[in-house]
Amino acid sequence: MRSAKVAIVKGQSPKLMVKRSLELIGANELVASKDRVLIKPNYICAKHPSTGVTTDSEVVEALIEFLKERGCREITVGDGGSGDTDRVFDVVGIRQVAARHGVRLVDLNGDERVEVSVPNALALHKVSIAKTVLESTCIINVPKLKVHHMALVTLCIKNLMGAVLPKSIIHSQLDERLADLASLIRPRFNLIDGIIGSELDEEDGKPVRMDLLISGRDIVATDAVGSAVMGIDPKRVRYLSLAEGKGVGTGDLTKIEILGRPIEKVKKRFRLPDAFEQAS
């Protein structure tokens, strides 16, 4: 029996693709008008979404419109990048989107920190999380489709690092701590922006045109499918198996029902960072 569902949508219109993705995963039943919603994109550095590095603002805007249609009034877009997040907001064009729709835009790096204990931790026993994240009743996780020089891929689980202060605490025992973080922060659903992905590196890689969105409720399953779409066996992504072991979700492709386009019809082998390319 397949225990998770992940949707793959291909197209040319980000807004229509978001709409179809949300229909396939039944997102209407996942959001209530009373929710305090945080949309968490990947705004790691000041590079335009066309580089494959940052989340497309059209995808975020489509999510805002979906939430407003559901009657949501408390909507925040927030991330904490590796550099000047405020500048990233301008480069990716999200500041204008937030202003147009009257939603809050928050640099999580400047947010109040709240120290949280992680139950049954593998390595991350305590961590400081941005207060906005903890006060949100519904988190929508919107990462980019990318490889990573340390973790092999950076998708939904890795994107949760934007909520952590300081981020350097995650880099030691990276896989274990990512699994711990995934057990602590539980997005309501995840939507990987694969319109343009990034191969070779997460910040300085090469853009790969894919015209895809990958969505799912199960964060581990969504990452497993995202990995497979980049031609990477999810079993190579160690933090996925660790997160699965902690009961966060399933990373076994044989247990995931693929909605929309099949993996085999859309996948493209991304070039990996040198350390992983040599090991493959």
Protein backbone atom coordinates (compact mmCIF):
# COMPACT_ATOMS: atom_id res chain seq x y z
CA MET A 1 0.00 0.00 0.00
CA ARG A 2 1.35 3.42 -0.95
CA SER A 3 1.47 5.62 2.14
CA ALA A 4 2.19 9.04 0.58
CA LYS A 5 1.13 11.04 -2.45
CA VAL A 6 3.34 13.48 -4.37
CA ALA A 7 2.25 15.48 -7.40
CA ILE A 8 4.42 16.45 -10.37
CA VAL A 9 3.03 19.18 -12.61
CA LYS A 10 4.69 20.41 -15.80
CA GLY A 11 3.73 23.60 -17.61
CA GLN A 12 4.56 27.10 -18.74
CA SER A 13 2.38 29.19 -16.38
CA PRO A 14 3.55 29.18 -12.74
CA LYS A 15 0.13 30.28 -11.50
CA LEU A 16 -1.74 27.57 -13.38
CA MET A 17 0.84 25.02 -12.26
CA VAL A 18 0.40 26.02 -8.60
CA LYS A 19 -3.38 25.75 -8.95
CA ARG A 20 -3.12 22.26 -10.44
CA SER A 21 -0.55 21.15 -7.86
CA LEU A 22 -2.77 22.23 -4.98
CA GLU A 23 -5.76 20.46 -6.52
CA LEU A 24 -3.84 17.20 -6.84
CA ILE A 25 -2.71 17.13 -3.19
CA GLY A 26 -6.06 18.33 -1.84
CA ALA A 27 -4.66 21.55 -0.38
CA ASN A 28 -8.14 23.04 0.08
CA GLU A 29 -8.70 20.76 3.05
CA LEU A 30 -5.30 21.60 4.57
CA VAL A 31 -5.82 25.33 5.16
CA ALA A 32 -8.45 27.06 7.32
CA SER A 33 -9.39 30.75 7.23
CA LYS A 34 -8.33 31.14 10.87
CA ASP A 35 -4.79 29.85 10.20
CA ARG A 36 -1.77 32.09 10.74
CA VAL A 37 0.07 31.12 7.58
CA LEU A 38 3.80 31.35 6.90
CA ILE A 39 4.97 30.86 3.32
CA LYS A 40 8.61 29.82 3.59
CA PRO A 41 10.50 30.22 0.26
CA ASN A 42 14.23 29.73 -0.38
CA TYR A 43 15.84 33.17 -0.36
CA ILE A 44 19.35 32.05 0.50
CA CYS A 45 21.18 34.79 -1.43
CA ALA A 46 20.59 37.77 -3.70
CA LYS A 47 20.13 35.91 -6.99
CA HIS A 48 17.15 36.04 -9.32
CA PRO A 49 14.93 32.92 -9.61
CA SER A 50 16.10 32.55 -13.23
CA THR A 51 19.49 31.43 -11.86
CA GLY A 52 17.84 28.37 -10.30
CA VAL A 53 18.87 29.52 -6.80
CA THR A 54 15.81 31.28 -5.33
CA THR A 55 12.08 30.61 -5.26
CA ASP A 56 10.05 32.17 -8.09
CA SER A 57 7.89 35.06 -6.85
CA GLU A 58 5.07 34.04 -9.21
CA VAL A 59 4.81 30.76 -7.32
CA VAL A 60 4.65 32.60 -3.99
CA GLU A 61 2.07 35.03 -5.37
CA ALA A 62 -0.12 32.17 -6.57
CA LEU A 63 0.00 30.69 -3.07
CA ILE A 64 -1.00 34.04 -1.54
CA GLU A 65 -3.96 34.22 -3.93
CA PHE A 66 -4.96 30.65 -3.02
CA LEU A 67 -4.84 31.50 0.69
CA LYS A 68 -6.91 34.65 0.22
CA GLU A 69 -9.52 32.63 -1.66
CA ARG A 70 -9.63 30.36 1.39
CA GLY A 71 -10.35 33.41 3.57
CA CYS A 72 -6.93 33.56 5.25
CA ARG A 73 -6.16 37.01 6.63
CA GLU A 74 -2.92 36.41 8.52
CA ILE A 75 -0.37 35.63 5.82
CA THR A 76 3.39 36.09 6.17
CA VAL A 77 6.16 35.46 3.66
CA GLY A 78 9.44 34.92 5.48
CA ASP A 79 12.92 33.49 5.22
CA GLY A 80 16.35 33.95 6.71
CA GLY A 81 19.07 33.66 4.10
CA SER A 82 22.81 33.23 4.38
CA GLY A 83 23.45 36.92 3.64
CA ASP A 84 21.39 40.11 3.43
CA THR A 85 17.87 38.71 3.24
CA ASP A 86 16.40 42.21 2.92
CA ARG A 87 18.35 42.67 -0.32
CA VAL A 88 17.20 39.27 -1.56
CA PHE A 89 13.58 40.43 -1.17
CA ASP A 90 14.30 43.17 -3.72
CA VAL A 91 16.28 41.00 -6.15
CA VAL A 92 13.64 38.24 -6.36
CA GLY A 93 10.77 40.73 -6.58
CA ILE A 94 8.87 39.51 -3.54
CA ARG A 95 8.68 42.93 -1.87
CA GLN A 96 6.36 44.20 -4.60
CA VAL A 97 4.25 41.03 -4.37
CA ALA A 98 3.86 41.37 -0.59
CA ALA A 99 2.92 45.04 -0.91
CA ARG A 100 0.41 44.33 -3.68
CA HIS A 101 -1.39 41.75 -1.57
CA GLY A 102 -0.97 43.40 1.82
CA VAL A 103 0.89 40.52 3.45
CA ARG A 104 3.77 40.67 5.92
CA LEU A 105 7.31 40.16 4.67
CA VAL A 106 9.73 39.06 7.40
CA ASP A 107 13.49 38.52 7.53
CA LEU A 108 13.59 35.57 9.91
CA ASN A 109 17.24 36.31 10.72
CA GLY A 110 16.11 39.48 12.47
CA ASP A 111 13.23 37.80 14.28
CA GLU A 112 13.05 37.11 18.00
CA ARG A 113 14.69 33.79 18.85
CA VAL A 114 13.00 31.08 20.91
CA GLU A 115 15.04 28.14 22.18
CA VAL A 116 13.30 24.83 21.63
CA SER A 117 14.20 21.31 22.78
CA VAL A 118 14.07 18.58 20.14
CA PRO A 119 12.49 15.33 21.41
CA ASN A 120 14.48 12.13 20.77
CA ALA A 121 17.21 14.10 19.02
CA LEU A 122 19.95 12.40 17.04
CA ALA A 123 22.27 15.41 17.36
CA LEU A 124 20.25 18.64 17.59
CA HIS A 125 19.08 18.62 21.19
CA LYS A 126 18.28 22.34 21.41
CA VAL A 127 17.87 24.95 18.70
CA SER A 128 16.81 28.59 18.43
CA ILE A 129 13.89 29.07 16.03
CA ALA A 130 12.47 32.34 14.70
CA LYS A 131 9.37 33.24 16.71
CA THR A 132 7.32 33.86 13.56
CA VAL A 133 7.79 30.21 12.59
CA LEU A 134 6.68 28.90 15.96
CA GLU A 135 3.63 31.17 16.08
CA SER A 136 2.42 30.10 12.63
CA THR A 137 -0.35 27.51 12.65
CA CYS A 138 0.23 26.60 9.00
CA ILE A 139 3.62 26.56 7.27
CA ILE A 140 3.79 26.20 3.49
CA ASN A 141 7.30 25.20 2.49
CA VAL A 142 8.42 26.42 -0.97
CA PRO A 143 12.03 25.41 -1.69
CA LYS A 144 13.93 25.29 -4.97
CA LEU A 145 14.99 22.18 -6.92
CA LYS A 146 18.75 22.10 -6.32
CA VAL A 147 21.75 19.96 -5.51
CA HIS A 148 23.89 20.79 -2.47
CA HIS A 149 27.63 20.57 -1.91
CA MET A 150 27.26 19.00 1.58
CA ALA A 151 23.81 17.41 1.77
CA LEU A 152 23.66 16.26 -1.92
CA VAL A 153 20.24 17.90 -2.37
CA THR A 154 18.58 20.97 -0.90
CA LEU A 155 14.81 20.68 -1.11
CA CYS A 156 12.03 20.77 1.50
CA ILE A 157 13.87 19.59 4.62
CA LYS A 158 17.01 21.61 3.95
CA ASN A 159 14.83 24.70 3.37
CA LEU A 160 13.79 24.57 7.04
CA MET A 161 17.25 25.90 7.93
CA GLY A 162 15.97 29.39 7.13
CA ALA A 163 14.06 29.24 10.42
CA VAL A 164 17.16 28.50 12.50
CA LEU A 165 19.33 31.05 14.30
CA PRO A 166 22.28 30.75 13.90
CA LYS A 167 22.39 28.42 10.90
CA SER A 168 25.95 27.29 11.64
CA ILE A 169 24.59 25.04 14.39
CA ILE A 170 23.23 22.69 11.71
CA HIS A 171 26.43 22.17 9.71
CA SER A 172 28.11 19.83 12.19
CA GLN A 173 26.52 16.36 11.87
CA LEU A 174 24.46 17.86 9.07
CA ASP A 175 22.36 14.84 8.14
CA GLU A 176 21.40 14.03 11.72
CA ARG A 177 20.53 17.63 12.49
CA LEU A 178 18.47 18.04 9.35
CA ALA A 179 16.48 14.95 10.34
CA ASP A 180 16.00 16.40 13.82
CA LEU A 181 14.87 19.73 12.37
CA ALA A 182 12.35 17.95 10.13
CA SER A 183 10.89 16.24 13.20
CA LEU A 184 10.47 19.63 14.90
CA ILE A 185 9.09 21.90 12.14
CA ARG A 186 6.20 20.29 10.29
CA PRO A 187 4.95 22.18 7.21
CA ARG A 188 1.31 21.61 6.30
CA PHE A 189 2.44 20.97 2.74
CA ASN A 190 5.47 21.44 0.50
CA LEU A 191 5.79 22.84 -3.02
CA ILE A 192 9.19 22.52 -4.74
CA ASP A 193 9.82 25.20 -7.35
CA GLY A 194 11.40 23.24 -10.18
CA ILE A 195 10.65 25.75 -12.90
CA ILE A 196 14.39 26.34 -13.09
CA GLY A 197 16.61 24.16 -10.91
CA SER A 198 20.32 24.36 -10.11
CA GLU A 199 22.96 21.70 -10.76
CA LEU A 200 26.58 21.57 -9.49
CA ASP A 201 25.96 23.84 -6.48
CA GLU A 202 23.15 25.42 -4.44
CA GLU A 203 24.35 29.03 -4.78
CA ASP A 204 26.89 29.07 -7.64
CA GLY A 205 25.56 26.31 -9.85
CA LYS A 206 24.18 26.21 -13.36
CA PRO A 207 20.47 26.73 -14.08
CA VAL A 208 18.49 23.79 -15.46
CA ARG A 209 15.14 24.49 -17.11
CA MET A 210 12.58 21.93 -15.91
CA ASP A 211 9.18 23.72 -15.91
CA LEU A 212 8.05 21.61 -12.96
CA LEU A 213 6.38 21.92 -9.59
CA ILE A 214 6.56 19.01 -7.12
CA SER A 215 4.14 19.03 -4.21
CA GLY A 216 3.19 16.85 -1.28
CA ARG A 217 2.06 16.74 2.31
CA ASP A 218 4.81 14.29 3.35
CA ILE A 219 8.07 16.26 3.48
CA VAL A 220 10.30 13.17 3.19
CA ALA A 221 8.32 11.78 0.26
CA THR A 222 8.35 15.13 -1.53
CA ASP A 223 12.14 15.33 -1.13
CA ALA A 224 12.53 11.74 -2.33
CA VAL A 225 10.59 12.52 -5.50
CA GLY A 226 12.47 15.80 -5.99
CA SER A 227 15.75 13.89 -5.72
CA ALA A 228 14.61 11.27 -8.22
CA VAL A 229 13.54 13.98 -10.68
CA MET A 230 17.15 15.26 -10.60
CA GLY A 231 18.36 11.73 -11.37
CA ILE A 232 19.50 11.13 -7.78
CA ASP A 233 18.57 7.92 -5.95
CA PRO A 234 16.84 9.08 -2.72
CA LYS A 235 18.72 6.32 -0.88
CA ARG A 236 21.91 8.36 -1.43
CA VAL A 237 20.42 11.28 0.54
CA ARG A 238 21.33 10.24 4.07
CA TYR A 239 19.17 12.72 5.94
CA LEU A 240 16.08 11.34 4.20
CA SER A 241 16.62 7.86 5.62
CA LEU A 242 17.35 9.36 9.04
CA ALA A 243 14.15 11.45 8.93
CA GLU A 244 12.21 8.37 7.84
CA GLY A 245 13.69 6.49 10.80
CA LYS A 246 12.37 9.22 13.09
CA GLY A 247 8.86 8.74 11.69
CA VAL A 248 8.75 12.02 9.78
CA GLY A 249 7.66 10.45 6.48
CA THR A 250 8.53 7.90 3.83
CA GLY A 251 11.46 8.10 1.41
CA ASP A 252 10.77 4.80 -0.36
CA LEU A 253 9.62 5.53 -3.92
CA THR A 254 7.77 2.22 -4.05
CA LYS A 255 5.53 3.49 -1.25
CA ILE A 256 4.80 6.86 -2.87
CA GLU A 257 1.90 7.40 -5.27
CA ILE A 258 2.92 9.82 -8.01
CA LEU A 259 0.12 12.09 -9.23
CA GLY A 260 0.31 14.06 -12.48
CA ARG A 261 3.43 13.39 -14.54
CA PRO A 262 5.49 10.20 -13.90
CA ILE A 263 9.06 10.67 -12.66
CA GLU A 264 10.48 8.87 -15.70
CA LYS A 265 8.79 11.31 -18.08
CA VAL A 266 10.25 14.45 -16.51
CA LYS A 267 13.54 13.53 -14.85
CA LYS A 268 16.87 14.92 -15.98
CA ARG A 269 20.25 13.99 -14.55
CA PHE A 270 21.63 17.02 -12.73
CA ARG A 271 25.39 17.35 -12.53
CA LEU A 272 26.43 16.88 -8.92
CA PRO A 273 28.97 18.73 -6.78
CA ASP A 274 32.44 17.30 -7.29
CA ALA A 275 32.54 15.28 -4.05
CA PHE A 276 29.33 13.44 -4.95
CA GLU A 277 30.07 13.12 -8.67
CA GLN A 278 33.33 11.33 -7.89
CA ALA A 279 31.55 8.99 -5.49
CA SER A 280 28.82 8.01 -7.96
